[in-house]
């Protein structure tokens, strides 16, 4: 999941070298934290959060194969 979020985020931003993705497991829940440059924050979130929702939907669909819940946090 971490790699998926990283590929999506790097394709959206102007500074792909500043994209940082961390993954933390908490029982059956996995938290993926996405950090981008401040100037790229709007590109990752999108108007009214549409891009952020789309990223979360793709990750949720990919995680449906496993029995884990995946949460994507944009920091």
C-alpha atoms as a PDB file:
ATOM      1  CA  UNK A   1       0.000   0.000   0.000  1.00  0.00           C
ATOM      2  CA  UNK A   2       2.842   2.354   0.830  1.00  0.00           C
ATOM      3  CA  UNK A   3       4.269   2.048  -2.672  1.00  0.00           C
ATOM      4  CA  UNK A   4       0.865   2.685  -4.243  1.00  0.00           C
ATOM      5  CA  UNK A   5       0.371   5.944  -2.336  1.00  0.00           C
ATOM      6  CA  UNK A   6       3.934   7.002  -3.136  1.00  0.00           C
ATOM      7  CA  UNK A   7       3.512   6.450  -6.893  1.00  0.00           C
ATOM      8  CA  UNK A   8       0.198   8.327  -6.965  1.00  0.00           C
ATOM      9  CA  UNK A   9       1.534  11.258  -4.934  1.00  0.00           C
ATOM     10  CA  UNK A  10       4.758  11.595  -6.934  1.00  0.00           C
ATOM     11  CA  UNK A  11       2.791  11.761 -10.172  1.00  0.00           C
ATOM     12  CA  UNK A  12       0.665  14.639  -8.824  1.00  0.00           C
ATOM     13  CA  UNK A  13       3.259  16.993  -7.314  1.00  0.00           C
ATOM     14  CA  UNK A  14       5.889  19.336  -8.727  1.00  0.00           C
ATOM     15  CA  UNK A  15       8.524  18.268  -6.184  1.00  0.00           C
ATOM     16  CA  UNK A  16       8.428  14.439  -6.196  1.00  0.00           C
ATOM     17  CA  UNK A  17      11.698  14.239  -4.245  1.00  0.00           C
ATOM     18  CA  UNK A  18       9.939  15.778  -1.213  1.00  0.00           C
ATOM     19  CA  UNK A  19       7.219  13.116  -1.050  1.00  0.00           C
ATOM     20  CA  UNK A  20       7.509  11.023   2.115  1.00  0.00           C
ATOM     21  CA  UNK A  21       5.247   8.067   2.845  1.00  0.00           C
ATOM     22  CA  UNK A  22       5.332   6.176   6.147  1.00  0.00           C
ATOM     23  CA  UNK A  23       3.344   3.132   7.145  1.00  0.00           C
ATOM     24  CA  UNK A  24       2.333   2.164  10.682  1.00  0.00           C
ATOM     25  CA  UNK A  25       0.508  -1.015  11.610  1.00  0.00           C
ATOM     26  CA  UNK A  26      -1.896  -1.094  14.516  1.00  0.00           C
ATOM     27  CA  UNK A  27      -3.482  -4.533  14.763  1.00  0.00           C
ATOM     28  CA  UNK A  28      -5.839  -4.861  11.790  1.00  0.00           C
ATOM     29  CA  UNK A  29      -5.504  -1.186  10.898  1.00  0.00           C
ATOM     30  CA  UNK A  30      -2.699   0.240   8.786  1.00  0.00           C
ATOM     31  CA  UNK A  31      -2.114   4.005   8.831  1.00  0.00           C
ATOM     32  CA  UNK A  32      -0.320   5.480   5.833  1.00  0.00           C
ATOM     33  CA  UNK A  33       0.970   9.023   6.341  1.00  0.00           C
ATOM     34  CA  UNK A  34       1.675  11.131   3.263  1.00  0.00           C
ATOM     35  CA  UNK A  35       3.867  14.217   3.556  1.00  0.00           C
ATOM     36  CA  UNK A  36       4.464  16.556   0.613  1.00  0.00           C
ATOM     37  CA  UNK A  37       6.002  19.990   0.146  1.00  0.00           C
ATOM     38  CA  UNK A  38       3.816  22.840   1.388  1.00  0.00           C
ATOM     39  CA  UNK A  39       3.494  24.225  -2.152  1.00  0.00           C
ATOM     40  CA  UNK A  40       2.186  20.853  -3.394  1.00  0.00           C
ATOM     41  CA  UNK A  41      -0.416  20.371  -0.666  1.00  0.00           C
ATOM     42  CA  UNK A  42      -3.244  21.768  -2.792  1.00  0.00           C
ATOM     43  CA  UNK A  43      -2.448  19.405  -5.644  1.00  0.00           C
ATOM     44  CA  UNK A  44      -2.666  16.369  -3.395  1.00  0.00           C
ATOM     45  CA  UNK A  45      -5.873  17.476  -1.669  1.00  0.00           C
ATOM     46  CA  UNK A  46      -7.649  18.959  -4.696  1.00  0.00           C
ATOM     47  CA  UNK A  47     -10.757  21.103  -4.841  1.00  0.00           C
ATOM     48  CA  UNK A  48     -13.052  20.219  -1.955  1.00  0.00           C
ATOM     49  CA  UNK A  49     -10.787  17.241  -1.176  1.00  0.00           C
ATOM     50  CA  UNK A  50     -11.684  15.321  -4.329  1.00  0.00           C
ATOM     51  CA  UNK A  51      -8.177  14.061  -5.087  1.00  0.00           C
ATOM     52  CA  UNK A  52      -7.600  13.054  -1.454  1.00  0.00           C
ATOM     53  CA  UNK A  53     -10.894  11.121  -1.506  1.00  0.00           C
ATOM     54  CA  UNK A  54      -9.866   9.425  -4.764  1.00  0.00           C
ATOM     55  CA  UNK A  55      -6.498   8.385  -3.302  1.00  0.00           C
ATOM     56  CA  UNK A  56      -8.255   6.953  -0.252  1.00  0.00           C
ATOM     57  CA  UNK A  57     -10.762   5.104  -2.472  1.00  0.00           C
ATOM     58  CA  UNK A  58      -8.000   3.507  -4.569  1.00  0.00           C
ATOM     59  CA  UNK A  59      -6.095   2.417  -1.466  1.00  0.00           C
ATOM     60  CA  UNK A  60      -9.268   1.056   0.108  1.00  0.00           C
ATOM     61  CA  UNK A  61     -10.000  -0.951  -3.042  1.00  0.00           C
ATOM     62  CA  UNK A  62      -6.459  -2.325  -3.099  1.00  0.00           C
ATOM     63  CA  UNK A  63      -6.692  -3.195   0.606  1.00  0.00           C
ATOM     64  CA  UNK A  64      -9.951  -5.071   0.138  1.00  0.00           C
ATOM     65  CA  UNK A  65      -7.923  -8.128  -0.910  1.00  0.00           C
ATOM     66  CA  UNK A  66      -6.533  -8.337   2.599  1.00  0.00           C
ATOM     67  CA  UNK A  67      -8.446  -8.341   5.854  1.00  0.00           C
ATOM     68  CA  UNK A  68      -6.983  -5.015   6.962  1.00  0.00           C
ATOM     69  CA  UNK A  69      -8.382  -1.516   7.185  1.00  0.00           C
ATOM     70  CA  UNK A  70      -6.135   1.118   5.610  1.00  0.00           C
ATOM     71  CA  UNK A  71      -6.296   4.801   6.567  1.00  0.00           C
ATOM     72  CA  UNK A  72      -4.488   7.478   4.521  1.00  0.00           C
ATOM     73  CA  UNK A  73      -3.510  10.659   6.403  1.00  0.00           C
ATOM     74  CA  UNK A  74      -2.210  13.660   4.483  1.00  0.00           C
ATOM     75  CA  UNK A  75       0.091  15.701   6.690  1.00  0.00           C
END
